[in-house]
Amino acid sequence: MEKNDYESILKDLKARKFSPVYFFCGEEAYFIDALTEQIEKYALNEMEKSFNQTVVYGKDVTARQIAETCGRLPMMAERQVVIVKEAQALSLKEEEEKQYLAYLKKPVGSTILVFAWKYGTPDGRKSFTRDIKKSAVYFESKALYENQVAAWIKKAVREKKYTIGDGAAELIVEYTGNNLSNISNELEKLMLNKQPGSLINEDDIEKLIGISKEYNVFELNNAIGAGNTARAYRIVNYFKANPKSGPLALVLGAMHGFFTKVYQLHFLRGKADKEMTTAIKVSPFFIKDYKTAAGNFSPQKIEEIFYLLEEYDLRYKGVGNQGVEEGELLREMVYKIMR
């Protein structure tokens, strides 16, 4: 019964079309939590939950206990829900596995059993995994690539009746990466302070999340890429005075990603912008910034920059660094990149 389409599972849950067993697993915890919450929301009403919803944790429960709980009859309700959170901690030793397999062959029709297995997938060599894919609604939650996250943010915001600008979405991505749970929390902060139907922009992000719209890693990369030395140093000085705004570890990672994409552009000369954006996995809105950087930095210079980034990463970690503070390391590195 394998079904890897998040949207179709969500649609069925909202229509109250339930299956006896669900198995949600994968690297991206956000989708696992979201589907589990939808089952909690739609399977039982608030009154029914008191007697008919059971939540257990993988490290605290055995296969026998799960089967016995699932075998109970619902009380004054059509169904009961049993949710196994942190299912990755379940024991899958031979005897336990046999009990799971026995239940999967004959699941109780009045029970919805949910496994929430985070940060990975079960061992595909085990009978349990093969059977769960056949018997359950099986969904593997894969992490989004960073170039997909801005589009996800726009969609998530649109579903809540708001809109968000391209620059604002990319700014959030620069500071949170592709962790959708963290991003979702930041979006909730933004939307709580805005009227439905309104636009979320960089000013809102600066005011409500604390990410400066002018002094951030995204703008530092653009200043360096454009060869704007004065602006790059202004941002570096801001980071030096406000270490939490631009920690060196974050800057190094973001800069490596930026120059990797610029390096790739050198081998895409003559291609249309659309092909370039697809190849280097960036928003079309920002392709011009990467093209500008490619015009200012040759492949040879970018290779030197990669060595510099590696050197300063080691110095940041204390290798060969004689007490130079983080802000000064950043200033020194940017000087060498731009000289």
C-alpha atoms as a PDB file:
ATOM      1  CA  MET A   1       0.000   0.000   0.000  1.00  0.00           C
ATOM      2  CA  GLU A   2       3.056   2.225  -0.424  1.00  0.00           C
ATOM      3  CA  LYS A   3       2.054   5.836  -1.030  1.00  0.00           C
ATOM      4  CA  ASN A   4       4.737   8.491  -1.134  1.00  0.00           C
ATOM      5  CA  ASP A   5       2.581  11.439  -2.095  1.00  0.00           C
ATOM      6  CA  TYR A   6       2.217  13.783   0.874  1.00  0.00           C
ATOM      7  CA  GLU A   7      -0.579  15.781  -0.747  1.00  0.00           C
ATOM      8  CA  SER A   8      -2.746  12.764  -1.565  1.00  0.00           C
ATOM      9  CA  ILE A   9      -2.389  11.355   1.974  1.00  0.00           C
ATOM     10  CA  LEU A  10      -3.304  14.771   3.346  1.00  0.00           C
ATOM     11  CA  LYS A  11      -6.331  14.969   1.069  1.00  0.00           C
ATOM     12  CA  ASP A  12      -7.585  11.560   2.245  1.00  0.00           C
ATOM     13  CA  LEU A  13      -7.143  12.492   5.908  1.00  0.00           C
ATOM     14  CA  LYS A  14      -9.075  15.733   5.487  1.00  0.00           C
ATOM     15  CA  ALA A  15     -11.841  13.744   3.773  1.00  0.00           C
ATOM     16  CA  ARG A  16     -11.755  11.320   6.744  1.00  0.00           C
ATOM     17  CA  LYS A  17     -10.744   8.389   4.553  1.00  0.00           C
ATOM     18  CA  PHE A  18      -8.589   6.444   6.989  1.00  0.00           C
ATOM     19  CA  SER A  19      -6.447   3.323   6.732  1.00  0.00           C
ATOM     20  CA  PRO A  20      -5.738   0.877   9.590  1.00  0.00           C
ATOM     21  CA  VAL A  21      -1.970   1.514   9.626  1.00  0.00           C
ATOM     22  CA  TYR A  22       0.190   4.496   8.692  1.00  0.00           C
ATOM     23  CA  PHE A  23       3.973   4.511   8.611  1.00  0.00           C
ATOM     24  CA  PHE A  24       5.633   7.915   8.271  1.00  0.00           C
ATOM     25  CA  CYS A  25       9.428   7.973   8.140  1.00  0.00           C
ATOM     26  CA  GLY A  26      12.346   9.919   6.676  1.00  0.00           C
ATOM     27  CA  GLU A  27      14.846  12.721   7.174  1.00  0.00           C
ATOM     28  CA  GLU A  28      12.412  15.663   7.195  1.00  0.00           C
ATOM     29  CA  ALA A  29      10.545  15.637  10.509  1.00  0.00           C
ATOM     30  CA  TYR A  30       8.161  18.427   9.494  1.00  0.00           C
ATOM     31  CA  PHE A  31       6.067  16.302   7.103  1.00  0.00           C
ATOM     32  CA  ILE A  32       5.956  13.401   9.570  1.00  0.00           C
ATOM     33  CA  ASP A  33       4.660  15.685  12.320  1.00  0.00           C
ATOM     34  CA  ALA A  34       2.218  17.398   9.965  1.00  0.00           C
ATOM     35  CA  LEU A  35       0.569  14.140   8.825  1.00  0.00           C
ATOM     36  CA  THR A  36       0.456  12.784  12.378  1.00  0.00           C
ATOM     37  CA  GLU A  37      -1.224  15.999  13.550  1.00  0.00           C
ATOM     38  CA  GLN A  38      -3.789  15.732  10.757  1.00  0.00           C
ATOM     39  CA  ILE A  39      -4.745  12.231  11.912  1.00  0.00           C
ATOM     40  CA  GLU A  40      -5.121  13.559  15.459  1.00  0.00           C
ATOM     41  CA  LYS A  41      -7.245  16.412  14.136  1.00  0.00           C
ATOM     42  CA  TYR A  42      -9.619  14.512  11.869  1.00  0.00           C
ATOM     43  CA  ALA A  43      -9.895  10.964  13.250  1.00  0.00           C
ATOM     44  CA  LEU A  44     -11.482  11.895  16.593  1.00  0.00           C
ATOM     45  CA  ASN A  45     -13.285  14.876  18.029  1.00  0.00           C
ATOM     46  CA  GLU A  46     -12.053  16.485  21.248  1.00  0.00           C
ATOM     47  CA  MET A  47     -14.476  14.536  23.456  1.00  0.00           C
ATOM     48  CA  GLU A  48     -13.558  11.191  21.872  1.00  0.00           C
ATOM     49  CA  LYS A  49      -9.817  11.759  22.293  1.00  0.00           C
ATOM     50  CA  SER A  50      -9.953  11.400  26.082  1.00  0.00           C
ATOM     51  CA  PHE A  51     -10.735   7.666  25.871  1.00  0.00           C
ATOM     52  CA  ASN A  52      -9.691   6.753  22.352  1.00  0.00           C
ATOM     53  CA  GLN A  53      -6.326   8.354  21.612  1.00  0.00           C
ATOM     54  CA  THR A  54      -3.167   6.734  22.935  1.00  0.00           C
ATOM     55  CA  VAL A  55       0.316   8.163  22.391  1.00  0.00           C
ATOM     56  CA  VAL A  56       3.346   6.012  23.206  1.00  0.00           C
ATOM     57  CA  TYR A  57       7.080   6.356  22.521  1.00  0.00           C
ATOM     58  CA  GLY A  58       9.246   3.803  20.763  1.00  0.00           C
ATOM     59  CA  LYS A  59      11.809   3.432  23.545  1.00  0.00           C
ATOM     60  CA  ASP A  60       9.106   2.781  26.162  1.00  0.00           C
ATOM     61  CA  VAL A  61       6.873   0.237  24.433  1.00  0.00           C
ATOM     62  CA  THR A  62       6.994  -3.324  23.097  1.00  0.00           C
ATOM     63  CA  ALA A  63       5.319  -4.879  20.074  1.00  0.00           C
ATOM     64  CA  ARG A  64       3.021  -6.866  22.385  1.00  0.00           C
ATOM     65  CA  GLN A  65       1.895  -3.706  24.186  1.00  0.00           C
ATOM     66  CA  ILE A  66       1.167  -1.967  20.889  1.00  0.00           C
ATOM     67  CA  ALA A  67      -0.834  -4.945  19.622  1.00  0.00           C
ATOM     68  CA  GLU A  68      -2.791  -5.202  22.881  1.00  0.00           C
ATOM     69  CA  THR A  69      -3.592  -1.473  22.820  1.00  0.00           C
ATOM     70  CA  CYS A  70      -4.685  -1.683  19.183  1.00  0.00           C
ATOM     71  CA  GLY A  71      -6.920  -4.657  20.048  1.00  0.00           C
ATOM     72  CA  ARG A  72      -9.098  -2.670  22.445  1.00  0.00           C
ATOM     73  CA  LEU A  73     -12.553  -1.595  21.354  1.00  0.00           C
ATOM     74  CA  PRO A  74     -13.183   2.161  21.058  1.00  0.00           C
ATOM     75  CA  MET A  75     -15.315   3.752  23.772  1.00  0.00           C
ATOM     76  CA  MET A  76     -18.342   5.707  22.565  1.00  0.00           C
ATOM     77  CA  ALA A  77     -16.601   6.381  19.258  1.00  0.00           C
ATOM     78  CA  GLU A  78     -16.283   4.849  15.826  1.00  0.00           C
ATOM     79  CA  ARG A  79     -12.553   4.307  16.154  1.00  0.00           C
ATOM     80  CA  GLN A  80      -9.478   4.670  18.335  1.00  0.00           C
ATOM     81  CA  VAL A  81      -6.079   6.112  17.407  1.00  0.00           C
ATOM     82  CA  VAL A  82      -2.734   4.715  18.587  1.00  0.00           C
ATOM     83  CA  ILE A  83       0.310   6.863  17.789  1.00  0.00           C
ATOM     84  CA  VAL A  84       3.847   5.530  18.201  1.00  0.00           C
ATOM     85  CA  LYS A  85       6.128   8.570  18.339  1.00  0.00           C
ATOM     86  CA  GLU A  86       9.918   8.277  18.005  1.00  0.00           C
ATOM     87  CA  ALA A  87       9.285   4.900  16.380  1.00  0.00           C
ATOM     88  CA  GLN A  88      12.935   4.716  15.304  1.00  0.00           C
ATOM     89  CA  ALA A  89      13.656   3.648  18.904  1.00  0.00           C
ATOM     90  CA  LEU A  90      11.452   0.533  18.637  1.00  0.00           C
ATOM     91  CA  SER A  91      13.100  -2.825  19.142  1.00  0.00           C
ATOM     92  CA  LEU A  92      12.963  -4.919  15.962  1.00  0.00           C
ATOM     93  CA  LYS A  93      14.522  -8.061  17.387  1.00  0.00           C
ATOM     94  CA  GLU A  94      13.217 -11.310  15.964  1.00  0.00           C
ATOM     95  CA  GLU A  95      10.461 -11.924  18.525  1.00  0.00           C
ATOM     96  CA  GLU A  96       9.274  -8.305  18.382  1.00  0.00           C
ATOM     97  CA  GLU A  97       9.308  -8.366  14.596  1.00  0.00           C
ATOM     98  CA  LYS A  98       7.109 -11.493  14.540  1.00  0.00           C
ATOM     99  CA  GLN A  99       4.487  -9.764  16.680  1.00  0.00           C
ATOM    100  CA  TYR A 100       4.428  -6.715  14.400  1.00  0.00           C
ATOM    101  CA  LEU A 101       4.080  -8.961  11.350  1.00  0.00           C
ATOM    102  CA  ALA A 102       1.194 -10.839  12.978  1.00  0.00           C
ATOM    103  CA  TYR A 103      -0.647  -7.573  13.649  1.00  0.00           C
ATOM    104  CA  LEU A 104      -0.001  -6.200  10.157  1.00  0.00           C
ATOM    105  CA  LYS A 105      -1.580  -9.319   8.640  1.00  0.00           C
ATOM    106  CA  LYS A 106      -4.795  -8.762  10.597  1.00  0.00           C
ATOM    107  CA  PRO A 107      -5.008  -5.128  11.776  1.00  0.00           C
ATOM    108  CA  VAL A 108      -8.041  -4.170  13.858  1.00  0.00           C
ATOM    109  CA  GLY A 109     -10.539  -2.324  11.672  1.00  0.00           C
ATOM    110  CA  SER A 110     -11.640   0.099  14.387  1.00  0.00           C
ATOM    111  CA  THR A 111      -8.043   1.168  15.181  1.00  0.00           C
ATOM    112  CA  ILE A 112      -5.782   3.638  13.365  1.00  0.00           C
ATOM    113  CA  LEU A 113      -2.178   2.776  14.173  1.00  0.00           C
ATOM    114  CA  VAL A 114       0.420   5.445  13.321  1.00  0.00           C
ATOM    115  CA  PHE A 115       4.196   4.962  13.358  1.00  0.00           C
ATOM    116  CA  ALA A 116       6.191   8.230  13.336  1.00  0.00           C
ATOM    117  CA  TRP A 117       9.766   7.157  12.531  1.00  0.00           C
ATOM    118  CA  LYS A 118      12.005  10.237  12.318  1.00  0.00           C
ATOM    119  CA  TYR A 119      15.451  11.023  10.910  1.00  0.00           C
ATOM    120  CA  GLY A 120      15.792   7.976   8.714  1.00  0.00           C
ATOM    121  CA  THR A 121      14.053   4.879   7.404  1.00  0.00           C
ATOM    122  CA  PRO A 122      13.814   1.305   8.734  1.00  0.00           C
ATOM    123  CA  ASP A 123      16.254  -1.333   7.520  1.00  0.00           C
ATOM    124  CA  GLY A 124      14.992  -2.448   4.108  1.00  0.00           C
ATOM    125  CA  ARG A 125      16.381  -5.953   4.637  1.00  0.00           C
ATOM    126  CA  LYS A 126      13.991  -6.686   7.499  1.00  0.00           C
ATOM    127  CA  SER A 127      10.666  -8.456   7.046  1.00  0.00           C
ATOM    128  CA  PHE A 128       9.082  -5.707   9.135  1.00  0.00           C
ATOM    129  CA  THR A 129      10.023  -3.077   6.540  1.00  0.00           C
ATOM    130  CA  ARG A 130       8.865  -5.146   3.583  1.00  0.00           C
ATOM    131  CA  ASP A 131       5.559  -5.914   5.301  1.00  0.00           C
ATOM    132  CA  ILE A 132       4.944  -2.366   6.466  1.00  0.00           C
ATOM    133  CA  LYS A 133       5.308  -1.130   2.891  1.00  0.00           C
ATOM    134  CA  LYS A 134       2.731  -3.672   1.744  1.00  0.00           C
ATOM    135  CA  SER A 135       0.261  -3.313   4.601  1.00  0.00           C
ATOM    136  CA  ALA A 136       0.446   0.353   5.633  1.00  0.00           C
ATOM    137  CA  VAL A 137       0.110   3.735   4.030  1.00  0.00           C
ATOM    138  CA  TYR A 138       3.857   4.260   3.811  1.00  0.00           C
ATOM    139  CA  PHE A 139       5.326   7.735   3.364  1.00  0.00           C
ATOM    140  CA  GLU A 140       9.014   8.628   3.238  1.00  0.00           C
ATOM    141  CA  SER A 141       9.587  12.263   4.131  1.00  0.00           C
ATOM    142  CA  LYS A 142      12.589  13.512   2.187  1.00  0.00           C
ATOM    143  CA  ALA A 143      14.457  16.713   3.020  1.00  0.00           C
ATOM    144  CA  LEU A 144      14.005  19.489   0.475  1.00  0.00           C
ATOM    145  CA  TYR A 145      16.996  20.752  -1.438  1.00  0.00           C
ATOM    146  CA  GLU A 146      17.857  24.296  -0.392  1.00  0.00           C
ATOM    147  CA  ASN A 147      16.759  25.690  -3.763  1.00  0.00           C
ATOM    148  CA  GLN A 148      13.283  24.197  -3.198  1.00  0.00           C
ATOM    149  CA  VAL A 149      12.738  25.786   0.205  1.00  0.00           C
ATOM    150  CA  ALA A 150      11.827  29.322  -0.916  1.00  0.00           C
ATOM    151  CA  ALA A 151       9.048  27.909  -3.105  1.00  0.00           C
ATOM    152  CA  TRP A 152       7.830  25.830  -0.147  1.00  0.00           C
ATOM    153  CA  ILE A 153       7.796  28.953   2.049  1.00  0.00           C
ATOM    154  CA  LYS A 154       5.702  30.842  -0.527  1.00  0.00           C
ATOM    155  CA  LYS A 155       3.241  27.958  -0.755  1.00  0.00           C
ATOM    156  CA  ALA A 156       2.992  27.575   3.047  1.00  0.00           C
ATOM    157  CA  VAL A 157       2.388  31.304   3.457  1.00  0.00           C
ATOM    158  CA  ARG A 158      -0.148  31.360   0.605  1.00  0.00           C
ATOM    159  CA  GLU A 159      -2.135  28.548   2.222  1.00  0.00           C
ATOM    160  CA  LYS A 160      -2.490  30.741   5.321  1.00  0.00           C
ATOM    161  CA  LYS A 161      -3.801  33.631   3.150  1.00  0.00           C
ATOM    162  CA  TYR A 162      -0.597  35.693   3.196  1.00  0.00           C
ATOM    163  CA  THR A 163       2.077  36.454   0.603  1.00  0.00           C
ATOM    164  CA  ILE A 164       5.846  36.807   0.954  1.00  0.00           C
ATOM    165  CA  GLY A 165       8.390  38.539  -1.276  1.00  0.00           C
ATOM    166  CA  ASP A 166      11.189  36.646  -3.046  1.00  0.00           C
ATOM    167  CA  GLY A 167      13.877  38.469  -1.086  1.00  0.00           C
ATOM    168  CA  ALA A 168      12.158  37.796   2.228  1.00  0.00           C
ATOM    169  CA  ALA A 169      11.775  34.084   1.458  1.00  0.00           C
ATOM    170  CA  GLU A 170      15.419  33.763   0.440  1.00  0.00           C
ATOM    171  CA  LEU A 171      16.532  35.642   3.549  1.00  0.00           C
ATOM    172  CA  ILE A 172      14.759  33.084   5.740  1.00  0.00           C
ATOM    173  CA  VAL A 173      16.390  30.238   3.792  1.00  0.00           C
ATOM    174  CA  GLU A 174      19.856  31.773   4.217  1.00  0.00           C
ATOM    175  CA  TYR A 175      19.476  31.751   8.000  1.00  0.00           C
ATOM    176  CA  THR A 176      17.555  28.523   8.576  1.00  0.00           C
ATOM    177  CA  GLY A 177      18.727  26.272   5.735  1.00  0.00           C
ATOM    178  CA  ASN A 178      16.241  23.570   4.799  1.00  0.00           C
ATOM    179  CA  ASN A 179      14.946  22.711   8.280  1.00  0.00           C
ATOM    180  CA  LEU A 180      11.215  23.085   7.658  1.00  0.00           C
ATOM    181  CA  SER A 181      10.253  22.793  11.326  1.00  0.00           C
ATOM    182  CA  ASN A 182      12.430  25.809  12.193  1.00  0.00           C
ATOM    183  CA  ILE A 183      11.149  27.706   9.167  1.00  0.00           C
ATOM    184  CA  SER A 184       7.540  26.932  10.079  1.00  0.00           C
ATOM    185  CA  ASN A 185       8.111  28.338  13.583  1.00  0.00           C
ATOM    186  CA  GLU A 186       9.570  31.545  12.143  1.00  0.00           C
ATOM    187  CA  LEU A 187       6.664  31.897   9.712  1.00  0.00           C
ATOM    188  CA  GLU A 188       4.188  31.516  12.575  1.00  0.00           C
ATOM    189  CA  LYS A 189       5.867  34.446  14.344  1.00  0.00           C
ATOM    190  CA  LEU A 190       5.571  36.553  11.214  1.00  0.00           C
ATOM    191  CA  MET A 191       1.941  35.704  10.526  1.00  0.00           C
ATOM    192  CA  LEU A 192       0.855  36.266  14.118  1.00  0.00           C
ATOM    193  CA  ASN A 193       1.864  39.891  13.731  1.00  0.00           C
ATOM    194  CA  LYS A 194       0.385  40.505  10.276  1.00  0.00           C
ATOM    195  CA  GLN A 195      -3.172  40.766   9.028  1.00  0.00           C
ATOM    196  CA  PRO A 196      -4.309  37.909   6.725  1.00  0.00           C
ATOM    197  CA  GLY A 197      -3.949  38.935   3.103  1.00  0.00           C
ATOM    198  CA  SER A 198      -0.918  41.137   3.757  1.00  0.00           C
ATOM    199  CA  LEU A 199       2.600  40.906   2.328  1.00  0.00           C
ATOM    200  CA  ILE A 200       5.507  39.697   4.475  1.00  0.00           C
ATOM    201  CA  ASN A 201       8.690  41.550   3.507  1.00  0.00           C
ATOM    202  CA  GLU A 202      12.285  42.011   4.664  1.00  0.00           C
ATOM    203  CA  ASP A 203      11.253  44.745   7.116  1.00  0.00           C
ATOM    204  CA  ASP A 204       8.955  42.275   8.887  1.00  0.00           C
ATOM    205  CA  ILE A 205      11.742  39.694   9.082  1.00  0.00           C
ATOM    206  CA  GLU A 206      14.128  42.250  10.573  1.00  0.00           C
ATOM    207  CA  LYS A 207      11.550  43.454  13.091  1.00  0.00           C
ATOM    208  CA  LEU A 208       9.968  40.158  14.116  1.00  0.00           C
ATOM    209  CA  ILE A 209      12.730  37.569  13.647  1.00  0.00           C
ATOM    210  CA  GLY A 210      15.775  39.762  14.109  1.00  0.00           C
ATOM    211  CA  ILE A 211      17.504  39.105  10.768  1.00  0.00           C
ATOM    212  CA  SER A 212      18.761  42.404   9.353  1.00  0.00           C
ATOM    213  CA  LYS A 213      17.581  43.031   5.792  1.00  0.00           C
ATOM    214  CA  GLU A 214      20.828  44.904   5.023  1.00  0.00           C
ATOM    215  CA  TYR A 215      23.422  43.147   7.146  1.00  0.00           C
ATOM    216  CA  ASN A 216      23.106  39.431   6.539  1.00  0.00           C
ATOM    217  CA  VAL A 217      25.039  36.597   4.931  1.00  0.00           C
ATOM    218  CA  PHE A 218      22.941  36.788   1.770  1.00  0.00           C
ATOM    219  CA  GLU A 219      23.865  40.472   1.285  1.00  0.00           C
ATOM    220  CA  LEU A 220      27.528  39.820   2.124  1.00  0.00           C
ATOM    221  CA  ASN A 221      27.753  37.223  -0.634  1.00  0.00           C
ATOM    222  CA  ASN A 222      26.119  39.613  -3.103  1.00  0.00           C
ATOM    223  CA  ALA A 223      28.453  42.469  -2.138  1.00  0.00           C
ATOM    224  CA  ILE A 224      31.506  40.255  -2.617  1.00  0.00           C
ATOM    225  CA  GLY A 225      30.125  38.838  -5.859  1.00  0.00           C
ATOM    226  CA  ALA A 226      29.505  42.350  -7.207  1.00  0.00           C
ATOM    227  CA  GLY A 227      32.995  43.483  -6.189  1.00  0.00           C
ATOM    228  CA  ASN A 228      31.485  46.104  -3.862  1.00  0.00           C
ATOM    229  CA  THR A 229      34.334  46.285  -1.357  1.00  0.00           C
ATOM    230  CA  ALA A 230      32.898  49.140   0.719  1.00  0.00           C
ATOM    231  CA  ARG A 231      29.568  47.383   1.212  1.00  0.00           C
ATOM    232  CA  ALA A 232      31.223  44.030   1.992  1.00  0.00           C
ATOM    233  CA  TYR A 233      33.338  45.650   4.728  1.00  0.00           C
ATOM    234  CA  ARG A 234      30.320  47.463   6.187  1.00  0.00           C
ATOM    235  CA  ILE A 235      28.589  44.101   6.594  1.00  0.00           C
ATOM    236  CA  VAL A 236      31.741  42.501   8.018  1.00  0.00           C
ATOM    237  CA  ASN A 237      32.053  45.332  10.557  1.00  0.00           C
ATOM    238  CA  TYR A 238      28.397  44.895  11.498  1.00  0.00           C
ATOM    239  CA  PHE A 239      28.973  41.168  12.069  1.00  0.00           C
ATOM    240  CA  LYS A 240      32.037  41.956  14.139  1.00  0.00           C
ATOM    241  CA  ALA A 241      29.999  44.285  16.348  1.00  0.00           C
ATOM    242  CA  ASN A 242      27.010  41.903  16.416  1.00  0.00           C
ATOM    243  CA  PRO A 243      28.492  38.361  16.459  1.00  0.00           C
ATOM    244  CA  LYS A 244      25.103  36.622  16.671  1.00  0.00           C
ATOM    245  CA  SER A 245      24.015  38.228  13.388  1.00  0.00           C
ATOM    246  CA  GLY A 246      26.773  36.603  11.355  1.00  0.00           C
ATOM    247  CA  PRO A 247      28.581  33.770  13.159  1.00  0.00           C
ATOM    248  CA  LEU A 248      31.626  32.695  11.193  1.00  0.00           C
ATOM    249  CA  ALA A 249      30.422  29.089  10.889  1.00  0.00           C
ATOM    250  CA  LEU A 250      27.250  30.317   9.155  1.00  0.00           C
ATOM    251  CA  VAL A 251      29.185  32.701   6.893  1.00  0.00           C
ATOM    252  CA  LEU A 252      31.645  29.998   5.838  1.00  0.00           C
ATOM    253  CA  GLY A 253      28.878  27.561   4.909  1.00  0.00           C
ATOM    254  CA  ALA A 254      26.863  30.160   3.019  1.00  0.00           C
ATOM    255  CA  MET A 255      29.921  31.481   1.193  1.00  0.00           C
ATOM    256  CA  HIS A 256      30.989  27.996   0.143  1.00  0.00           C
ATOM    257  CA  GLY A 257      27.510  27.356  -1.256  1.00  0.00           C
ATOM    258  CA  PHE A 258      27.506  30.707  -3.068  1.00  0.00           C
ATOM    259  CA  PHE A 259      30.885  30.233  -4.737  1.00  0.00           C
ATOM    260  CA  THR A 260      30.107  26.617  -5.637  1.00  0.00           C
ATOM    261  CA  LYS A 261      27.168  27.881  -7.687  1.00  0.00           C
ATOM    262  CA  VAL A 262      29.237  30.698  -9.217  1.00  0.00           C
ATOM    263  CA  TYR A 263      31.909  28.153 -10.168  1.00  0.00           C
ATOM    264  CA  GLN A 264      29.316  25.972 -11.867  1.00  0.00           C
ATOM    265  CA  LEU A 265      28.078  28.936 -13.910  1.00  0.00           C
ATOM    266  CA  HIS A 266      31.433  29.140 -15.675  1.00  0.00           C
ATOM    267  CA  PHE A 267      30.643  25.812 -17.309  1.00  0.00           C
ATOM    268  CA  LEU A 268      27.159  26.912 -18.358  1.00  0.00           C
ATOM    269  CA  ARG A 269      28.161  29.849 -20.530  1.00  0.00           C
ATOM    270  CA  GLY A 270      25.757  30.417 -23.408  1.00  0.00           C
ATOM    271  CA  LYS A 271      22.889  28.674 -21.642  1.00  0.00           C
ATOM    272  CA  ALA A 272      19.563  30.429 -21.091  1.00  0.00           C
ATOM    273  CA  ASP A 273      18.861  31.798 -17.604  1.00  0.00           C
ATOM    274  CA  LYS A 274      16.205  29.136 -17.054  1.00  0.00           C
ATOM    275  CA  GLU A 275      18.701  26.348 -17.741  1.00  0.00           C
ATOM    276  CA  MET A 276      21.228  27.998 -15.434  1.00  0.00           C
ATOM    277  CA  THR A 277      18.792  28.323 -12.534  1.00  0.00           C
ATOM    278  CA  THR A 278      17.820  24.669 -12.891  1.00  0.00           C
ATOM    279  CA  ALA A 279      21.429  23.509 -13.086  1.00  0.00           C
ATOM    280  CA  ILE A 280      22.728  25.445 -10.065  1.00  0.00           C
ATOM    281  CA  LYS A 281      19.433  25.159  -8.146  1.00  0.00           C
ATOM    282  CA  VAL A 282      18.699  28.799  -7.360  1.00  0.00           C
ATOM    283  CA  SER A 283      15.628  30.994  -7.664  1.00  0.00           C
ATOM    284  CA  PRO A 284      15.313  32.720 -11.082  1.00  0.00           C
ATOM    285  CA  PHE A 285      14.900  35.934  -9.095  1.00  0.00           C
ATOM    286  CA  PHE A 286      18.593  35.794  -8.079  1.00  0.00           C
ATOM    287  CA  ILE A 287      20.338  34.393 -11.162  1.00  0.00           C
ATOM    288  CA  LYS A 288      21.591  37.866 -12.109  1.00  0.00           C
ATOM    289  CA  ASP A 289      23.576  38.073  -8.845  1.00  0.00           C
ATOM    290  CA  TYR A 290      25.340  34.803  -9.581  1.00  0.00           C
ATOM    291  CA  LYS A 291      26.067  35.859 -13.162  1.00  0.00           C
ATOM    292  CA  THR A 292      27.573  39.115 -11.908  1.00  0.00           C
ATOM    293  CA  ALA A 293      29.807  37.172  -9.514  1.00  0.00           C
ATOM    294  CA  ALA A 294      30.867  34.810 -12.321  1.00  0.00           C
ATOM    295  CA  GLY A 295      31.927  37.866 -14.321  1.00  0.00           C
ATOM    296  CA  ASN A 296      34.079  39.106 -11.425  1.00  0.00           C
ATOM    297  CA  PHE A 297      35.609  35.821 -10.267  1.00  0.00           C
ATOM    298  CA  SER A 298      37.396  33.446 -12.620  1.00  0.00           C
ATOM    299  CA  PRO A 299      37.343  29.674 -12.011  1.00  0.00           C
ATOM    300  CA  GLN A 300      40.982  29.916 -10.867  1.00  0.00           C
ATOM    301  CA  LYS A 301      40.167  32.631  -8.349  1.00  0.00           C
ATOM    302  CA  ILE A 302      37.186  30.647  -7.028  1.00  0.00           C
ATOM    303  CA  GLU A 303      39.433  27.636  -6.518  1.00  0.00           C
ATOM    304  CA  GLU A 304      41.712  29.870  -4.427  1.00  0.00           C
ATOM    305  CA  ILE A 305      38.633  30.986  -2.452  1.00  0.00           C
ATOM    306  CA  PHE A 306      37.735  27.364  -1.676  1.00  0.00           C
ATOM    307  CA  TYR A 307      41.223  26.906  -0.187  1.00  0.00           C
ATOM    308  CA  LEU A 308      40.752  30.114   1.814  1.00  0.00           C
ATOM    309  CA  LEU A 309      37.391  28.955   3.165  1.00  0.00           C
ATOM    310  CA  GLU A 310      38.962  25.662   4.232  1.00  0.00           C
ATOM    311  CA  GLU A 311      41.871  27.489   5.886  1.00  0.00           C
ATOM    312  CA  TYR A 312      39.583  29.817   7.847  1.00  0.00           C
ATOM    313  CA  ASP A 313      37.283  26.996   8.840  1.00  0.00           C
ATOM    314  CA  LEU A 314      40.268  25.281  10.461  1.00  0.00           C
ATOM    315  CA  ARG A 315      41.402  28.520  12.107  1.00  0.00           C
ATOM    316  CA  TYR A 316      37.877  29.094  13.405  1.00  0.00           C
ATOM    317  CA  LYS A 317      38.106  25.637  14.975  1.00  0.00           C
ATOM    318  CA  GLY A 318      41.418  26.555  16.612  1.00  0.00           C
ATOM    319  CA  VAL A 319      43.909  24.997  14.176  1.00  0.00           C
ATOM    320  CA  GLY A 320      46.795  27.402  13.623  1.00  0.00           C
ATOM    321  CA  ASN A 321      44.883  30.302  15.148  1.00  0.00           C
ATOM    322  CA  GLN A 322      46.839  32.333  17.697  1.00  0.00           C
ATOM    323  CA  GLY A 323      43.955  33.902  19.581  1.00  0.00           C
ATOM    324  CA  VAL A 324      42.503  35.916  16.684  1.00  0.00           C
ATOM    325  CA  GLU A 325      38.839  36.639  17.413  1.00  0.00           C
ATOM    326  CA  GLU A 326      36.076  35.493  15.100  1.00  0.00           C
ATOM    327  CA  GLY A 327      35.224  38.957  13.740  1.00  0.00           C
ATOM    328  CA  GLU A 328      38.836  39.631  12.835  1.00  0.00           C
ATOM    329  CA  LEU A 329      39.131  36.260  11.109  1.00  0.00           C
ATOM    330  CA  LEU A 330      36.112  37.173   8.984  1.00  0.00           C
ATOM    331  CA  ARG A 331      37.543  40.587   8.082  1.00  0.00           C
ATOM    332  CA  GLU A 332      40.885  39.038   7.139  1.00  0.00           C
ATOM    333  CA  MET A 333      39.237  36.346   5.011  1.00  0.00           C
ATOM    334  CA  VAL A 334      37.009  38.791   3.108  1.00  0.00           C
ATOM    335  CA  TYR A 335      40.038  41.016   2.439  1.00  0.00           C
ATOM    336  CA  LYS A 336      41.911  38.071   0.888  1.00  0.00           C
ATOM    337  CA  ILE A 337      38.898  37.077  -1.196  1.00  0.00           C
ATOM    338  CA  MET A 338      38.393  40.562  -2.597  1.00  0.00           C
ATOM    339  CA  ARG A 339      41.945  41.801  -3.023  1.00  0.00           C
END
